[in-house]
PDB file of N, CA and C in Angstrom:
ATOM      1  N   MET A   1      -6.722 -32.984-116.206  1.00  0.00           N
ATOM      2  CA  MET A   1      -6.176 -34.296-115.859  1.00  0.00           C
ATOM      3  C   MET A   1      -5.410 -34.872-117.037  1.00  0.00           C
ATOM      4  N   TRP A   2      -5.408 -34.089-118.123  1.00  0.00           N
ATOM      5  CA  TRP A   2      -4.794 -34.656-119.367  1.00  0.00           C
ATOM      6  C   TRP A   2      -3.252 -35.028-119.119  1.00  0.00           C
ATOM      7  N   PHE A   3      -2.598 -34.267-118.246  1.00  0.00           N
ATOM      8  CA  PHE A   3      -1.180 -34.591-117.985  1.00  0.00           C
ATOM      9  C   PHE A   3      -1.034 -35.902-117.203  1.00  0.00           C
ATOM     10  N   LEU A   4      -1.951 -36.179-116.304  1.00  0.00           N
ATOM     11  CA  LEU A   4      -1.869 -37.507-115.664  1.00  0.00           C
ATOM     12  C   LEU A   4      -2.166 -38.630-116.640  1.00  0.00           C
ATOM     13  N   GLY A   5      -3.139 -38.445-117.497  1.00  0.00           N
ATOM     14  CA  GLY A   5      -3.422 -39.443-118.531  1.00  0.00           C
ATOM     15  C   GLY A   5      -2.231 -39.687-119.441  1.00  0.00           C
ATOM     16  N   ARG A   6      -1.489 -38.612-119.708  1.00  0.00           N
ATOM     17  CA  ARG A   6      -0.322 -38.776-120.561  1.00  0.00           C
ATOM     18  C   ARG A   6       0.764 -39.509-119.782  1.00  0.00           C
ATOM     19  N   MET A   7       0.965 -39.217-118.514  1.00  0.00           N
ATOM     20  CA  MET A   7       2.009 -39.892-117.729  1.00  0.00           C
ATOM     21  C   MET A   7       1.636 -41.382-117.594  1.00  0.00           C
ATOM     22  N   LEU A   8       0.398 -41.690-117.351  1.00  0.00           N
ATOM     23  CA  LEU A   8      -0.074 -43.062-117.176  1.00  0.00           C
ATOM     24  C   LEU A   8      -0.182 -43.754-118.536  1.00  0.00           C
ATOM     25  N   ARG A   9      -0.033 -43.089-119.629  1.00  0.00           N
ATOM     26  CA  ARG A   9      -0.215 -43.597-120.985  1.00  0.00           C
ATOM     27  C   ARG A   9      -1.568 -44.117-121.272  1.00  0.00           C
ATOM     28  N   ILE A  10      -2.531 -43.319-120.853  1.00  0.00           N
ATOM     29  CA  ILE A  10      -3.980 -43.661-121.111  1.00  0.00           C
ATOM     30  C   ILE A  10      -4.356 -42.977-122.404  1.00  0.00           C
ATOM     31  N   PRO A  11      -4.732 -43.698-123.408  1.00  0.00           N
ATOM     32  CA  PRO A  11      -5.132 -43.089-124.659  1.00  0.00           C
ATOM     33  C   PRO A  11      -6.467 -42.343-124.495  1.00  0.00           C
ATOM     34  N   TRP A  12      -6.574 -41.303-125.367  1.00  0.00           N
ATOM     35  CA  TRP A  12      -7.826 -40.438-125.187  1.00  0.00           C
ATOM     36  C   TRP A  12      -9.050 -41.228-125.603  1.00  0.00           C
ATOM     37  N   THR A  13      -8.831 -42.279-126.389  1.00  0.00           N
ATOM     38  CA  THR A  13      -9.969 -43.140-126.834  1.00  0.00           C
ATOM     39  C   THR A  13     -10.489 -43.991-125.687  1.00  0.00           C
ATOM     40  N   ALA A  14      -9.788 -44.063-124.550  1.00  0.00           N
ATOM     41  CA  ALA A  14     -10.254 -44.903-123.406  1.00  0.00           C
ATOM     42  C   ALA A  14     -11.510 -44.315-122.827  1.00  0.00           C
ATOM     43  N   LYS A  15     -11.692 -43.018-122.927  1.00  0.00           N
ATOM     44  CA  LYS A  15     -12.877 -42.342-122.403  1.00  0.00           C
ATOM     45  C   LYS A  15     -12.993 -42.573-120.852  1.00  0.00           C
ATOM     46  N   LYS A  16     -11.897 -42.303-120.182  1.00  0.00           N
ATOM     47  CA  LYS A  16     -11.925 -42.436-118.715  1.00  0.00           C
ATOM     48  C   LYS A  16     -12.253 -41.109-118.071  1.00  0.00           C
ATOM     49  N   THR A  17     -12.969 -41.107-117.003  1.00  0.00           N
ATOM     50  CA  THR A  17     -13.322 -39.842-116.289  1.00  0.00           C
ATOM     51  C   THR A  17     -12.098 -39.423-115.523  1.00  0.00           C
ATOM     52  N   ASN A  18     -12.173 -38.095-115.123  1.00  0.00           N
ATOM     53  CA  ASN A  18     -11.077 -37.543-114.351  1.00  0.00           C
ATOM     54  C   ASN A  18     -10.927 -38.249-113.023  1.00  0.00           C
ATOM     55  N   GLU A  19     -12.038 -38.622-112.469  1.00  0.00           N
ATOM     56  CA  GLU A  19     -11.953 -39.341-111.208  1.00  0.00           C
ATOM     57  C   GLU A  19     -11.208 -40.651-111.300  1.00  0.00           C
ATOM     58  N   ARG A  20     -11.479 -41.337-112.337  1.00  0.00           N
ATOM     59  CA  ARG A  20     -10.769 -42.682-112.527  1.00  0.00           C
ATOM     60  C   ARG A  20      -9.317 -42.523-112.767  1.00  0.00           C
ATOM     61  N   VAL A  21      -8.977 -41.432-113.522  1.00  0.00           N
ATOM     62  CA  VAL A  21      -7.544 -41.140-113.769  1.00  0.00           C
ATOM     63  C   VAL A  21      -6.880 -40.752-112.431  1.00  0.00           C
ATOM     64  N   LEU A  22      -7.576 -40.004-111.557  1.00  0.00           N
ATOM     65  CA  LEU A  22      -6.971 -39.629-110.306  1.00  0.00           C
ATOM     66  C   LEU A  22      -6.828 -40.887-109.404  1.00  0.00           C
ATOM     67  N   ASP A  23      -7.777 -41.781-109.470  1.00  0.00           N
ATOM     68  CA  ASP A  23      -7.672 -43.055-108.703  1.00  0.00           C
ATOM     69  C   ASP A  23      -6.509 -43.876-109.141  1.00  0.00           C
ATOM     70  N   GLU A  24      -6.307 -43.929-110.434  1.00  0.00           N
ATOM     71  CA  GLU A  24      -5.246 -44.748-110.982  1.00  0.00           C
ATOM     72  C   GLU A  24      -3.813 -44.205-110.582  1.00  0.00           C
ATOM     73  N   ALA A  25      -3.862 -42.882-110.541  1.00  0.00           N
ATOM     74  CA  ALA A  25      -2.587 -42.115-110.118  1.00  0.00           C
ATOM     75  C   ALA A  25      -2.384 -42.001-108.667  1.00  0.00           C
ATOM     76  N   ASN A  26      -3.339 -42.482-107.812  1.00  0.00           N
ATOM     77  CA  ASN A  26      -3.304 -42.360-106.416  1.00  0.00           C
ATOM     78  C   ASN A  26      -3.183 -40.899-105.995  1.00  0.00           C
ATOM     79  N   LYS A  27      -3.874 -39.977-106.623  1.00  0.00           N
ATOM     80  CA  LYS A  27      -3.868 -38.583-106.352  1.00  0.00           C
ATOM     81  C   LYS A  27      -5.281 -38.156-105.973  1.00  0.00           C
ATOM     82  N   ARG A  28      -5.380 -36.985-105.391  1.00  0.00           N
ATOM     83  CA  ARG A  28      -6.674 -36.382-105.090  1.00  0.00           C
ATOM     84  C   ARG A  28      -6.638 -34.883-105.368  1.00  0.00           C
ATOM     85  N   ARG A  29      -7.777 -34.299-105.595  1.00  0.00           N
ATOM     86  CA  ARG A  29      -7.787 -32.830-105.821  1.00  0.00           C
ATOM     87  C   ARG A  29      -7.483 -32.082-104.545  1.00  0.00           C
ATOM     88  N   SER A  30      -6.624 -31.099-104.691  1.00  0.00           N
ATOM     89  CA  SER A  30      -6.248 -30.346-103.516  1.00  0.00           C
ATOM     90  C   SER A  30      -6.341 -28.824-103.648  1.00  0.00           C
ATOM     91  N   LEU A  31      -6.914 -28.368-104.727  1.00  0.00           N
ATOM     92  CA  LEU A  31      -7.005 -26.917-104.961  1.00  0.00           C
ATOM     93  C   LEU A  31      -7.840 -26.210-103.927  1.00  0.00           C
ATOM     94  N   VAL A  32      -9.032 -26.798-103.657  1.00  0.00           N
ATOM     95  CA  VAL A  32      -9.904 -26.192-102.712  1.00  0.00           C
ATOM     96  C   VAL A  32      -9.297 -26.165-101.295  1.00  0.00           C
ATOM     97  N   ARG A  33      -8.629 -27.307-100.965  1.00  0.00           N
ATOM     98  CA  ARG A  33      -7.998 -27.331 -99.681  1.00  0.00           C
ATOM     99  C   ARG A  33      -6.921 -26.209 -99.571  1.00  0.00           C
ATOM    100  N   THR A  34      -6.126 -26.030-100.588  1.00  0.00           N
ATOM    101  CA  THR A  34      -5.080 -25.082-100.608  1.00  0.00           C
ATOM    102  C   THR A  34      -5.611 -23.653-100.516  1.00  0.00           C
ATOM    103  N   ILE A  35      -6.739 -23.428-101.224  1.00  0.00           N
ATOM    104  CA  ILE A  35      -7.310 -22.105-101.125  1.00  0.00           C
ATOM    105  C   ILE A  35      -7.896 -21.787 -99.778  1.00  0.00           C
ATOM    106  N   ARG A  36      -8.512 -22.770 -99.101  1.00  0.00           N
ATOM    107  CA  ARG A  36      -9.065 -22.580 -97.733  1.00  0.00           C
ATOM    108  C   ARG A  36      -7.900 -22.292 -96.748  1.00  0.00           C
ATOM    109  N   LYS A  37      -6.823 -23.053 -96.906  1.00  0.00           N
ATOM    110  CA  LYS A  37      -5.664 -22.858 -96.053  1.00  0.00           C
ATOM    111  C   LYS A  37      -5.055 -21.492 -96.177  1.00  0.00           C
ATOM    112  N   ARG A  38      -4.956 -20.977 -97.364  1.00  0.00           N
ATOM    113  CA  ARG A  38      -4.355 -19.678 -97.556  1.00  0.00           C
ATOM    114  C   ARG A  38      -5.412 -18.617 -97.149  1.00  0.00           C
ATOM    115  N   GLN A  39      -6.618 -18.855 -97.305  1.00  0.00           N
ATOM    116  CA  GLN A  39      -7.644 -17.866 -96.735  1.00  0.00           C
ATOM    117  C   GLN A  39      -7.578 -17.785 -95.212  1.00  0.00           C
ATOM    118  N   ALA A  40      -7.358 -18.901 -94.593  1.00  0.00           N
ATOM    119  CA  ALA A  40      -7.353 -18.937 -93.116  1.00  0.00           C
ATOM    120  C   ALA A  40      -6.052 -18.246 -92.601  1.00  0.00           C
ATOM    121  N   THR A  41      -4.937 -18.491 -93.248  1.00  0.00           N
ATOM    122  CA  THR A  41      -3.691 -17.879 -92.769  1.00  0.00           C
ATOM    123  C   THR A  41      -3.791 -16.349 -93.041  1.00  0.00           C
ATOM    124  N   PHE A  42      -4.328 -15.889 -94.126  1.00  0.00           N
ATOM    125  CA  PHE A  42      -4.522 -14.448 -94.448  1.00  0.00           C
ATOM    126  C   PHE A  42      -5.499 -13.865 -93.468  1.00  0.00           C
ATOM    127  N   LEU A  43      -6.560 -14.515 -93.153  1.00  0.00           N
ATOM    128  CA  LEU A  43      -7.518 -13.973 -92.170  1.00  0.00           C
ATOM    129  C   LEU A  43      -6.887 -13.882 -90.809  1.00  0.00           C
ATOM    130  N   GLY A  44      -6.094 -14.787 -90.428  1.00  0.00           N
ATOM    131  CA  GLY A  44      -5.365 -14.643 -89.132  1.00  0.00           C
ATOM    132  C   GLY A  44      -4.419 -13.423 -89.092  1.00  0.00           C
ATOM    133  N   HIS A  45      -3.761 -13.243 -90.207  1.00  0.00           N
ATOM    134  CA  HIS A  45      -2.825 -12.041 -90.332  1.00  0.00           C
ATOM    135  C   HIS A  45      -3.639 -10.761 -90.239  1.00  0.00           C
ATOM    136  N   VAL A  46      -4.754 -10.664 -90.988  1.00  0.00           N
ATOM    137  CA  VAL A  46      -5.599  -9.405 -90.968  1.00  0.00           C
ATOM    138  C   VAL A  46      -6.222  -9.208 -89.637  1.00  0.00           C
ATOM    139  N   MET A  47      -6.753 -10.260 -89.019  1.00  0.00           N
ATOM    140  CA  MET A  47      -7.474 -10.089 -87.753  1.00  0.00           C
ATOM    141  C   MET A  47      -6.507  -9.697 -86.601  1.00  0.00           C
ATOM    142  N   ARG A  48      -5.361 -10.162 -86.620  1.00  0.00           N
ATOM    143  CA  ARG A  48      -4.408  -9.690 -85.528  1.00  0.00           C
ATOM    144  C   ARG A  48      -3.917  -8.318 -85.754  1.00  0.00           C
ATOM    145  N   ARG A  49      -3.977  -7.815 -86.970  1.00  0.00           N
ATOM    146  CA  ARG A  49      -3.528  -6.457 -87.304  1.00  0.00           C
ATOM    147  C   ARG A  49      -4.588  -5.486 -86.731  1.00  0.00           C
ATOM    148  N   GLY A  50      -5.906  -5.760 -86.931  1.00  0.00           N
ATOM    149  CA  GLY A  50      -6.971  -4.960 -86.401  1.00  0.00           C
ATOM    150  C   GLY A  50      -7.279  -3.629 -87.039  1.00  0.00           C
ATOM    151  N   LYS A  51      -7.062  -3.510 -88.321  1.00  0.00           N
ATOM    152  CA  LYS A  51      -7.339  -2.234 -88.956  1.00  0.00           C
ATOM    153  C   LYS A  51      -8.606  -2.332 -89.824  1.00  0.00           C
ATOM    154  N   LEU A  52      -8.639  -1.649 -90.856  1.00  0.00           N
ATOM    155  CA  LEU A  52      -9.888  -1.597 -91.691  1.00  0.00           C
ATOM    156  C   LEU A  52     -10.314  -2.959 -92.216  1.00  0.00           C
ATOM    157  N   GLU A  53      -9.325  -3.785 -92.583  1.00  0.00           N
ATOM    158  CA  GLU A  53      -9.661  -5.165 -93.067  1.00  0.00           C
ATOM    159  C   GLU A  53     -10.398  -5.932 -91.994  1.00  0.00           C
ATOM    160  N   HIS A  54     -10.011  -5.784 -90.742  1.00  0.00           N
ATOM    161  CA  HIS A  54     -10.654  -6.391 -89.589  1.00  0.00           C
ATOM    162  C   HIS A  54     -12.199  -5.980 -89.501  1.00  0.00           C
ATOM    163  N   LEU A  55     -12.475  -4.797 -89.730  1.00  0.00           N
ATOM    164  CA  LEU A  55     -13.902  -4.329 -89.697  1.00  0.00           C
ATOM    165  C   LEU A  55     -14.672  -4.907 -90.894  1.00  0.00           C
ATOM    166  N   VAL A  56     -13.966  -5.032 -92.043  1.00  0.00           N
ATOM    167  CA  VAL A  56     -14.694  -5.586 -93.219  1.00  0.00           C
ATOM    168  C   VAL A  56     -15.005  -7.046 -93.028  1.00  0.00           C
ATOM    169  N   THR A  57     -14.105  -7.825 -92.513  1.00  0.00           N
ATOM    170  CA  THR A  57     -14.271  -9.251 -92.385  1.00  0.00           C
ATOM    171  C   THR A  57     -15.264  -9.617 -91.267  1.00  0.00           C
ATOM    172  N   THR A  58     -15.255  -8.815 -90.222  1.00  0.00           N
ATOM    173  CA  THR A  58     -16.236  -9.099 -89.201  1.00  0.00           C
ATOM    174  C   THR A  58     -17.529  -8.378 -89.410  1.00  0.00           C
ATOM    175  N   GLU A  59     -17.664  -7.570 -90.489  1.00  0.00           N
ATOM    176  CA  GLU A  59     -18.841  -6.870 -90.861  1.00  0.00           C
ATOM    177  C   GLU A  59     -19.335  -5.912 -89.885  1.00  0.00           C
ATOM    178  N   LYS A  60     -18.525  -5.211 -89.252  1.00  0.00           N
ATOM    179  CA  LYS A  60     -18.876  -4.224 -88.228  1.00  0.00           C
ATOM    180  C   LYS A  60     -18.706  -2.784 -88.805  1.00  0.00           C
ATOM    181  N   PHE A  61     -19.476  -2.605 -89.907  1.00  0.00           N
ATOM    182  CA  PHE A  61     -19.387  -1.197 -90.491  1.00  0.00           C
ATOM    183  C   PHE A  61     -20.795  -0.818 -90.794  1.00  0.00           C
ATOM    184  N   GLU A  62     -20.989   0.495 -90.959  1.00  0.00           N
ATOM    185  CA  GLU A  62     -22.326   1.044 -91.131  1.00  0.00           C
ATOM    186  C   GLU A  62     -22.691   0.884 -92.643  1.00  0.00           C
ATOM    187  N   GLY A  63     -24.037   0.967 -92.877  1.00  0.00           N
ATOM    188  CA  GLY A  63     -24.463   0.910 -94.205  1.00  0.00           C
ATOM    189  C   GLY A  63     -25.626  -0.069 -94.418  1.00  0.00           C
ATOM    190  N   GLU A  64     -26.155  -0.027 -95.573  1.00  0.00           N
ATOM    191  CA  GLU A  64     -27.345  -0.932 -95.847  1.00  0.00           C
ATOM    192  C   GLU A  64     -26.778  -2.125 -96.566  1.00  0.00           C
ATOM    193  N   ARG A  65     -27.545  -3.261 -96.429  1.00  0.00           N
ATOM    194  CA  ARG A  65     -27.204  -4.460 -97.121  1.00  0.00           C
ATOM    195  C   ARG A  65     -27.707  -4.374 -98.560  1.00  0.00           C
ATOM    196  N   SER A  66     -27.076  -5.155 -99.439  1.00  0.00           N
ATOM    197  CA  SER A  66     -27.437  -5.229-100.817  1.00  0.00           C
ATOM    198  C   SER A  66     -28.703  -6.026-100.966  1.00  0.00           C
ATOM    199  N   ARG A  67     -29.430  -5.791-102.043  1.00  0.00           N
ATOM    200  CA  ARG A  67     -30.572  -6.578-102.272  1.00  0.00           C
ATOM    201  C   ARG A  67     -30.234  -7.953-102.850  1.00  0.00           C
ATOM    202  N   GLY A  68     -31.253  -8.849-102.648  1.00  0.00           N
ATOM    203  CA  GLY A  68     -31.038 -10.204-103.179  1.00  0.00           C
ATOM    204  C   GLY A  68     -30.310 -11.134-102.229  1.00  0.00           C
ATOM    205  N   ARG A  69     -29.799 -12.246-102.732  1.00  0.00           N
ATOM    206  CA  ARG A  69     -29.223 -13.199-101.939  1.00  0.00           C
ATOM    207  C   ARG A  69     -27.894 -12.673-101.363  1.00  0.00           C
ATOM    208  N   GLN A  70     -27.631 -12.879-100.083  1.00  0.00           N
ATOM    209  CA  GLN A  70     -26.373 -12.390 -99.507  1.00  0.00           C
ATOM    210  C   GLN A  70     -25.234 -13.262 -99.917  1.00  0.00           C
ATOM    211  N   ARG A  71     -24.020 -12.646-100.046  1.00  0.00           N
ATOM    212  CA  ARG A  71     -22.916 -13.366-100.428  1.00  0.00           C
ATOM    213  C   ARG A  71     -22.389 -14.215 -99.242  1.00  0.00           C
ATOM    214  N   GLU A  72     -21.648 -15.240 -99.543  1.00  0.00           N
ATOM    215  CA  GLU A  72     -21.164 -16.044 -98.514  1.00  0.00           C
ATOM    216  C   GLU A  72     -19.972 -15.311 -97.806  1.00  0.00           C
ATOM    217  N   LYS A  73     -20.004 -15.272 -96.455  1.00  0.00           N
ATOM    218  CA  LYS A  73     -19.094 -14.479 -95.765  1.00  0.00           C
ATOM    219  C   LYS A  73     -17.810 -15.345 -95.511  1.00  0.00           C
ATOM    220  N   ILE A  74     -16.670 -14.651 -95.468  1.00  0.00           N
ATOM    221  CA  ILE A  74     -15.418 -15.369 -95.287  1.00  0.00           C
ATOM    222  C   ILE A  74     -15.430 -16.116 -93.990  1.00  0.00           C
ATOM    223  N   MET A  75     -15.931 -15.456 -92.963  1.00  0.00           N
ATOM    224  CA  MET A  75     -15.931 -16.101 -91.651  1.00  0.00           C
ATOM    225  C   MET A  75     -16.745 -17.342 -91.593  1.00  0.00           C
ATOM    226  N   ASP A  76     -17.945 -17.309 -92.199  1.00  0.00           N
ATOM    227  CA  ASP A  76     -18.876 -18.449 -92.243  1.00  0.00           C
ATOM    228  C   ASP A  76     -18.227 -19.613 -92.997  1.00  0.00           C
ATOM    229  N   GLY A  77     -17.615 -19.309 -94.145  1.00  0.00           N
ATOM    230  CA  GLY A  77     -16.991 -20.369 -94.958  1.00  0.00           C
ATOM    231  C   GLY A  77     -15.830 -21.018 -94.153  1.00  0.00           C
ATOM    232  N   LEU A  78     -15.018 -20.233 -93.467  1.00  0.00           N
ATOM    233  CA  LEU A  78     -13.982 -20.843 -92.683  1.00  0.00           C
ATOM    234  C   LEU A  78     -14.478 -21.572 -91.400  1.00  0.00           C
ATOM    235  N   ALA A  79     -15.582 -21.128 -90.904  1.00  0.00           N
ATOM    236  CA  ALA A  79     -16.167 -21.800 -89.774  1.00  0.00           C
ATOM    237  C   ALA A  79     -16.588 -23.164 -90.060  1.00  0.00           C
ATOM    238  N   THR A  80     -17.227 -23.364 -91.292  1.00  0.00           N
ATOM    239  CA  THR A  80     -17.605 -24.640 -91.725  1.00  0.00           C
ATOM    240  C   THR A  80     -16.374 -25.491 -92.010  1.00  0.00           C
ATOM    241  N   TRP A  81     -15.368 -24.971 -92.569  1.00  0.00           N
ATOM    242  CA  TRP A  81     -14.160 -25.757 -92.944  1.00  0.00           C
ATOM    243  C   TRP A  81     -13.397 -26.139 -91.745  1.00  0.00           C
ATOM    244  N   LEU A  82     -13.280 -25.264 -90.737  1.00  0.00           N
ATOM    245  CA  LEU A  82     -12.473 -25.649 -89.551  1.00  0.00           C
ATOM    246  C   LEU A  82     -13.240 -26.578 -88.611  1.00  0.00           C
ATOM    247  N   GLY A  83     -14.513 -26.769 -88.821  1.00  0.00           N
ATOM    248  CA  GLY A  83     -15.149 -27.757 -87.963  1.00  0.00           C
ATOM    249  C   GLY A  83     -16.173 -27.140 -87.123  1.00  0.00           C
ATOM    250  N   PRO A  84     -16.846 -27.912 -86.221  1.00  0.00           N
ATOM    251  CA  PRO A  84     -17.882 -27.394 -85.415  1.00  0.00           C
ATOM    252  C   PRO A  84     -17.375 -26.275 -84.470  1.00  0.00           C
ATOM    253  N   GLY A  85     -18.133 -25.162 -84.454  1.00  0.00           N
ATOM    254  CA  GLY A  85     -17.741 -24.056 -83.625  1.00  0.00           C
ATOM    255  C   GLY A  85     -18.356 -22.756 -84.190  1.00  0.00           C
ATOM    256  N   LYS A  86     -18.391 -21.785 -83.326  1.00  0.00           N
ATOM    257  CA  LYS A  86     -18.997 -20.506 -83.635  1.00  0.00           C
ATOM    258  C   LYS A  86     -17.965 -19.562 -84.222  1.00  0.00           C
ATOM    259  N   VAL A  87     -18.385 -18.543 -84.839  1.00  0.00           N
ATOM    260  CA  VAL A  87     -17.486 -17.528 -85.371  1.00  0.00           C
ATOM    261  C   VAL A  87     -16.785 -16.819 -84.233  1.00  0.00           C
ATOM    262  N   SER A  88     -17.477 -16.662 -83.105  1.00  0.00           N
ATOM    263  CA  SER A  88     -16.844 -15.972 -81.945  1.00  0.00           C
ATOM    264  C   SER A  88     -15.642 -16.847 -81.410  1.00  0.00           C
ATOM    265  N   ASP A  89     -15.796 -18.174 -81.472  1.00  0.00           N
ATOM    266  CA  ASP A  89     -14.756 -19.036 -81.045  1.00  0.00           C
ATOM    267  C   ASP A  89     -13.492 -18.893 -81.937  1.00  0.00           C
ATOM    268  N   ILE A  90     -13.845 -18.769 -83.235  1.00  0.00           N
ATOM    269  CA  ILE A  90     -12.680 -18.575 -84.213  1.00  0.00           C
ATOM    270  C   ILE A  90     -11.986 -17.235 -83.991  1.00  0.00           C
ATOM    271  N   LEU A  91     -12.778 -16.210 -83.721  1.00  0.00           N
ATOM    272  CA  LEU A  91     -12.157 -14.914 -83.516  1.00  0.00           C
ATOM    273  C   LEU A  91     -11.248 -14.978 -82.267  1.00  0.00           C
ATOM    274  N   ALA A  92     -11.674 -15.691 -81.235  1.00  0.00           N
ATOM    275  CA  ALA A  92     -10.885 -15.811 -80.034  1.00  0.00           C
ATOM    276  C   ALA A  92      -9.626 -16.605 -80.307  1.00  0.00           C
ATOM    277  N   ALA A  93      -9.667 -17.623 -81.149  1.00  0.00           N
ATOM    278  CA  ALA A  93      -8.552 -18.500 -81.466  1.00  0.00           C
ATOM    279  C   ALA A  93      -7.530 -17.729 -82.338  1.00  0.00           C
ATOM    280  N   ILE A  94      -7.970 -16.849 -83.141  1.00  0.00           N
ATOM    281  CA  ILE A  94      -7.047 -16.068 -84.023  1.00  0.00           C
ATOM    282  C   ILE A  94      -6.052 -15.257 -83.220  1.00  0.00           C
ATOM    283  N   LYS A  95      -6.428 -14.793 -82.026  1.00  0.00           N
ATOM    284  CA  LYS A  95      -5.548 -14.002 -81.201  1.00  0.00           C
ATOM    285  C   LYS A  95      -4.298 -14.842 -80.749  1.00  0.00           C
ATOM    286  N   ASP A  96      -4.425 -16.113 -80.535  1.00  0.00           N
ATOM    287  CA  ASP A  96      -3.332 -16.953 -80.164  1.00  0.00           C
ATOM    288  C   ASP A  96      -2.800 -17.592 -81.465  1.00  0.00           C
ATOM    289  N   ARG A  97      -1.658 -17.141 -81.913  1.00  0.00           N
ATOM    290  CA  ARG A  97      -1.073 -17.559 -83.230  1.00  0.00           C
ATOM    291  C   ARG A  97      -0.788 -19.074 -83.239  1.00  0.00           C
ATOM    292  N   ASP A  98      -0.272 -19.617 -82.228  1.00  0.00           N
ATOM    293  CA  ASP A  98      -0.006 -21.057 -82.194  1.00  0.00           C
ATOM    294  C   ASP A  98      -1.267 -21.886 -82.312  1.00  0.00           C
ATOM    295  N   LEU A  99      -2.242 -21.519 -81.545  1.00  0.00           N
ATOM    296  CA  LEU A  99      -3.579 -22.270 -81.594  1.00  0.00           C
ATOM    297  C   LEU A  99      -4.161 -22.079 -82.941  1.00  0.00           C
ATOM    298  N   TRP A 100      -4.094 -21.002 -83.578  1.00  0.00           N
ATOM    299  CA  TRP A 100      -4.671 -20.733 -84.925  1.00  0.00           C
ATOM    300  C   TRP A 100      -3.922 -21.639 -85.938  1.00  0.00           C
ATOM    301  N   ARG A 101      -2.584 -21.681 -85.920  1.00  0.00           N
ATOM    302  CA  ARG A 101      -1.836 -22.479 -86.846  1.00  0.00           C
ATOM    303  C   ARG A 101      -2.166 -23.970 -86.634  1.00  0.00           C
ATOM    304  N   ASP A 102      -2.398 -24.408 -85.419  1.00  0.00           N
ATOM    305  CA  ASP A 102      -2.722 -25.824 -85.152  1.00  0.00           C
ATOM    306  C   ASP A 102      -4.089 -26.122 -85.689  1.00  0.00           C
ATOM    307  N   MET A 103      -5.038 -25.153 -85.514  1.00  0.00           N
ATOM    308  CA  MET A 103      -6.430 -25.374 -86.090  1.00  0.00           C
ATOM    309  C   MET A 103      -6.391 -25.488 -87.611  1.00  0.00           C
ATOM    310  N   ILE A 104      -5.600 -24.638 -88.284  1.00  0.00           N
ATOM    311  CA  ILE A 104      -5.519 -24.743 -89.715  1.00  0.00           C
ATOM    312  C   ILE A 104      -4.847 -26.030 -90.159  1.00  0.00           C
ATOM    313  N   ALA A 105      -3.813 -26.463 -89.472  1.00  0.00           N
ATOM    314  CA  ALA A 105      -3.108 -27.708 -89.869  1.00  0.00           C
ATOM    315  C   ALA A 105      -4.070 -28.887 -89.711  1.00  0.00           C
ATOM    316  N   ASN A 106      -4.806 -28.942 -88.597  1.00  0.00           N
ATOM    317  CA  ASN A 106      -5.765 -30.038 -88.400  1.00  0.00           C
ATOM    318  C   ASN A 106      -6.852 -30.045 -89.421  1.00  0.00           C
ATOM    319  N   ALA A 107      -7.397 -28.882 -89.747  1.00  0.00           N
ATOM    320  CA  ALA A 107      -8.445 -28.828 -90.792  1.00  0.00           C
ATOM    321  C   ALA A 107      -7.900 -29.229 -92.075  1.00  0.00           C
ATOM    322  N   TYR A 108      -6.711 -28.868 -92.402  1.00  0.00           N
ATOM    323  CA  TYR A 108      -6.096 -29.205 -93.724  1.00  0.00           C
ATOM    324  C   TYR A 108      -5.865 -30.664 -93.876  1.00  0.00           C
ATOM    325  N   LYS A 109      -5.489 -31.312 -92.765  1.00  0.00           N
ATOM    326  CA  LYS A 109      -5.237 -32.797 -92.789  1.00  0.00           C
ATOM    327  C   LYS A 109      -6.537 -33.528 -92.875  1.00  0.00           C
ATOM    328  N   GLN A 110      -7.626 -33.032 -92.280  1.00  0.00           N
ATOM    329  CA  GLN A 110      -8.813 -33.790 -92.248  1.00  0.00           C
ATOM    330  C   GLN A 110      -9.721 -33.512 -93.415  1.00  0.00           C
ATOM    331  N   SER A 111      -9.530 -32.404 -94.081  1.00  0.00           N
ATOM    332  CA  SER A 111     -10.364 -32.137 -95.301  1.00  0.00           C
ATOM    333  C   SER A 111     -10.108 -33.107 -96.452  1.00  0.00           C
ATOM    334  N   THR A 112     -11.110 -33.257 -97.290  1.00  0.00           N
ATOM    335  CA  THR A 112     -10.968 -34.217 -98.351  1.00  0.00           C
ATOM    336  C   THR A 112     -11.179 -33.479 -99.664  1.00  0.00           C
TER     337      THR A 112
END
């Protein structure tokens, strides 16, 4: 946030938090939103293609699970970001490209 502080001419001795600097600049953090949006568009591309990546993201491959805490799955993370619904609903929506784009756009607008 140092660049916003410089643009607003806030001296470093003011000891303002990043959140206060963002409030003064009327900005908000958008990196996580951008990452989720790109993940969702890439996932739609991969799932419509239906090759090896499709199997990996839906976890329909043979083998043993790793020990310890399981990693967060891409589908579960996007399901929470896109709103209430099951993973099976998301997989059905991915098939319809226009519906999928609308879902991503709505989630991007509503996320904070």
